Amino acid sequence: MTVRRITRITFESDETLAIRRWRSNSEVPCTLCGSRLGAVMPEEAAWLLRLETAQIRDEVESGRLHVLPGIPGTPQVCLGSVERAAQLFLPGAKLQIHNTEENS
C-alpha cells in the first residue's frame, strides 16, 4: 500500500488548491519557525500570495518568508511562512495550509 501526502491549501473565498506530492519534506522543520507544513517552489509561493517571483526573493531576504534546505540550487519556501505572509498580502482572505495522508 502506498501512502501519499497531500498538502491542502484552502482560501476562504471558496477556492481550494491541493498540492499533491509523492515525497514530502514536511518531516524537516523550518529552522526559523519550526513549521512542518512543508515547502513549495518560489514560483508556487508567488502564485499563492499573488506576487511576482522577484517579490518572493525580496520577502525571503527580509525574513518574512523562510527557505528550507533542499536540493542544492533549488530553494523551497516554508509553507508556514507563506500562510502567515498571506495575512499581509491577501487582506480579507484566509489561507489555511495543512497536510493530510491518502492511502492508495
C-alpha atoms as a PDB file:
ATOM      1  CA  MET A   1       0.000   0.000   0.000  1.00  0.00           C
ATOM      2  CA  THR A   2       1.322   3.411  -0.951  1.00  0.00           C
ATOM      3  CA  VAL A   3       0.744   6.417   1.282  1.00  0.00           C
ATOM      4  CA  ARG A   4       0.618   9.790  -0.433  1.00  0.00           C
ATOM      5  CA  ARG A   5       0.917  13.032   1.486  1.00  0.00           C
ATOM      6  CA  ILE A   6      -1.372  15.784   0.370  1.00  0.00           C
ATOM      7  CA  THR A   7      -0.933  19.422   1.243  1.00  0.00           C
ATOM      8  CA  ARG A   8      -4.321  21.107   1.111  1.00  0.00           C
ATOM      9  CA  ILE A   9      -4.448  24.876   0.860  1.00  0.00           C
ATOM     10  CA  THR A  10      -7.838  26.494   1.360  1.00  0.00           C
ATOM     11  CA  PHE A  11      -8.762  30.077   0.553  1.00  0.00           C
ATOM     12  CA  GLU A  12     -11.825  31.290   2.407  1.00  0.00           C
ATOM     13  CA  SER A  13     -13.093  32.679  -0.894  1.00  0.00           C
ATOM     14  CA  ASP A  14     -14.326  29.114  -1.659  1.00  0.00           C
ATOM     15  CA  GLU A  15     -11.183  28.381  -3.635  1.00  0.00           C
ATOM     16  CA  THR A  16      -9.272  25.215  -2.749  1.00  0.00           C
ATOM     17  CA  LEU A  17      -5.890  24.196  -4.044  1.00  0.00           C
ATOM     18  CA  ALA A  18      -4.450  20.784  -3.265  1.00  0.00           C
ATOM     19  CA  ILE A  19      -0.762  20.299  -3.941  1.00  0.00           C
ATOM     20  CA  ARG A  20      -0.060  16.600  -4.238  1.00  0.00           C
ATOM     21  CA  ARG A  21       3.482  15.355  -3.994  1.00  0.00           C
ATOM     22  CA  TRP A  22       4.819  11.835  -3.813  1.00  0.00           C
ATOM     23  CA  ARG A  23       7.587  12.799  -1.476  1.00  0.00           C
ATOM     24  CA  SER A  24       7.146  15.383   1.212  1.00  0.00           C
ATOM     25  CA  ASN A  25       9.708  17.374   3.113  1.00  0.00           C
ATOM     26  CA  SER A  26       7.209  18.021   5.903  1.00  0.00           C
ATOM     27  CA  GLU A  27       9.365  15.915   8.216  1.00  0.00           C
ATOM     28  CA  VAL A  28      12.007  18.639   8.002  1.00  0.00           C
ATOM     29  CA  PRO A  29      11.001  21.520  10.274  1.00  0.00           C
ATOM     30  CA  CYS A  30      11.696  25.079   9.218  1.00  0.00           C
ATOM     31  CA  THR A  31      14.804  26.239  11.063  1.00  0.00           C
ATOM     32  CA  LEU A  32      13.278  29.691  11.630  1.00  0.00           C
ATOM     33  CA  CYS A  33       9.686  28.958  12.708  1.00  0.00           C
ATOM     34  CA  GLY A  34       9.580  25.202  13.313  1.00  0.00           C
ATOM     35  CA  SER A  35       6.687  24.684  10.865  1.00  0.00           C
ATOM     36  CA  ARG A  36       6.299  21.165   9.489  1.00  0.00           C
ATOM     37  CA  LEU A  37       3.836  22.116   6.748  1.00  0.00           C
ATOM     38  CA  GLY A  38       6.431  21.523   4.064  1.00  0.00           C
ATOM     39  CA  ALA A  39       7.613  23.853   1.343  1.00  0.00           C
ATOM     40  CA  VAL A  40       6.889  24.968  -2.196  1.00  0.00           C
ATOM     41  CA  MET A  41       8.968  26.361  -5.025  1.00  0.00           C
ATOM     42  CA  PRO A  42       9.289  30.180  -5.099  1.00  0.00           C
ATOM     43  CA  GLU A  43       7.030  30.272  -8.183  1.00  0.00           C
ATOM     44  CA  GLU A  44       4.316  28.400  -6.268  1.00  0.00           C
ATOM     45  CA  ALA A  45       4.664  30.735  -3.280  1.00  0.00           C
ATOM     46  CA  ALA A  46       4.334  33.698  -5.656  1.00  0.00           C
ATOM     47  CA  TRP A  47       1.124  32.237  -7.075  1.00  0.00           C
ATOM     48  CA  LEU A  48      -0.319  31.578  -3.636  1.00  0.00           C
ATOM     49  CA  LEU A  49       0.442  35.111  -2.442  1.00  0.00           C
ATOM     50  CA  ARG A  50      -0.417  36.764  -5.780  1.00  0.00           C
ATOM     51  CA  LEU A  51       3.104  38.208  -6.045  1.00  0.00           C
ATOM     52  CA  GLU A  52       5.869  38.188  -8.623  1.00  0.00           C
ATOM     53  CA  THR A  53       8.718  35.710  -8.123  1.00  0.00           C
ATOM     54  CA  ALA A  54      11.137  38.630  -7.632  1.00  0.00           C
ATOM     55  CA  GLN A  55       8.963  39.819  -4.727  1.00  0.00           C
ATOM     56  CA  ILE A  56       9.246  36.365  -3.142  1.00  0.00           C
ATOM     57  CA  ARG A  57      13.033  36.700  -3.207  1.00  0.00           C
ATOM     58  CA  ASP A  58      12.711  40.126  -1.560  1.00  0.00           C
ATOM     59  CA  GLU A  59      10.453  38.669   1.153  1.00  0.00           C
ATOM     60  CA  VAL A  60      12.952  35.844   1.779  1.00  0.00           C
ATOM     61  CA  GLU A  61      15.742  38.415   2.129  1.00  0.00           C
ATOM     62  CA  SER A  62      13.610  40.446   4.561  1.00  0.00           C
ATOM     63  CA  GLY A  63      12.982  37.326   6.660  1.00  0.00           C
ATOM     64  CA  ARG A  64       9.194  37.386   6.202  1.00  0.00           C
ATOM     65  CA  LEU A  65       9.392  34.183   4.114  1.00  0.00           C
ATOM     66  CA  HIS A  66      11.674  31.303   5.108  1.00  0.00           C
ATOM     67  CA  VAL A  67      13.704  28.972   2.909  1.00  0.00           C
ATOM     68  CA  LEU A  68      14.062  25.294   3.788  1.00  0.00           C
ATOM     69  CA  PRO A  69      17.164  23.337   2.909  1.00  0.00           C
ATOM     70  CA  GLY A  70      16.517  21.191  -0.112  1.00  0.00           C
ATOM     71  CA  ILE A  71      18.165  20.163  -3.315  1.00  0.00           C
ATOM     72  CA  PRO A  72      21.196  22.424  -3.838  1.00  0.00           C
ATOM     73  CA  GLY A  73      20.244  25.263  -6.161  1.00  0.00           C
ATOM     74  CA  THR A  74      16.521  24.637  -5.666  1.00  0.00           C
ATOM     75  CA  PRO A  75      15.190  26.844  -2.861  1.00  0.00           C
ATOM     76  CA  GLN A  76      11.985  25.761  -1.135  1.00  0.00           C
ATOM     77  CA  VAL A  77       9.804  28.345   0.620  1.00  0.00           C
ATOM     78  CA  CYS A  78       8.365  27.319   4.003  1.00  0.00           C
ATOM     79  CA  LEU A  79       4.577  26.992   3.793  1.00  0.00           C
ATOM     80  CA  GLY A  80       4.212  28.123   7.406  1.00  0.00           C
ATOM     81  CA  SER A  81       5.769  31.471   6.489  1.00  0.00           C
ATOM     82  CA  VAL A  82       3.586  31.643   3.347  1.00  0.00           C
ATOM     83  CA  GLU A  83       0.488  31.104   5.491  1.00  0.00           C
ATOM     84  CA  ARG A  84       1.499  33.962   7.814  1.00  0.00           C
ATOM     85  CA  ALA A  85       2.508  36.272   4.933  1.00  0.00           C
ATOM     86  CA  ALA A  86      -0.931  35.787   3.367  1.00  0.00           C
ATOM     87  CA  GLN A  87      -2.383  37.943   6.151  1.00  0.00           C
ATOM     88  CA  LEU A  88      -0.302  40.839   4.833  1.00  0.00           C
ATOM     89  CA  PHE A  89      -0.526  40.239   1.090  1.00  0.00           C
ATOM     90  CA  LEU A  90      -4.094  38.941   0.866  1.00  0.00           C
ATOM     91  CA  PRO A  91      -6.059  41.203   3.222  1.00  0.00           C
ATOM     92  CA  GLY A  92      -9.545  39.898   3.851  1.00  0.00           C
ATOM     93  CA  ALA A  93      -8.693  36.419   2.550  1.00  0.00           C
ATOM     94  CA  LYS A  94      -7.908  33.448   4.733  1.00  0.00           C
ATOM     95  CA  LEU A  95      -5.255  30.956   3.677  1.00  0.00           C
ATOM     96  CA  GLN A  96      -5.159  27.635   5.544  1.00  0.00           C
ATOM     97  CA  ILE A  97      -2.478  25.053   4.898  1.00  0.00           C
ATOM     98  CA  HIS A  98      -2.401  21.559   6.345  1.00  0.00           C
ATOM     99  CA  ASN A  99      -1.009  18.160   5.444  1.00  0.00           C
ATOM    100  CA  THR A 100      -3.075  15.014   5.092  1.00  0.00           C
ATOM    101  CA  GLU A 101      -2.269  11.483   4.026  1.00  0.00           C
ATOM    102  CA  GLU A 102      -4.122   9.442   1.453  1.00  0.00           C
ATOM    103  CA  ASN A 103      -3.818   5.685   1.018  1.00  0.00           C
ATOM    104  CA  SER A 104      -3.867   4.297  -2.489  1.00  0.00           C
END
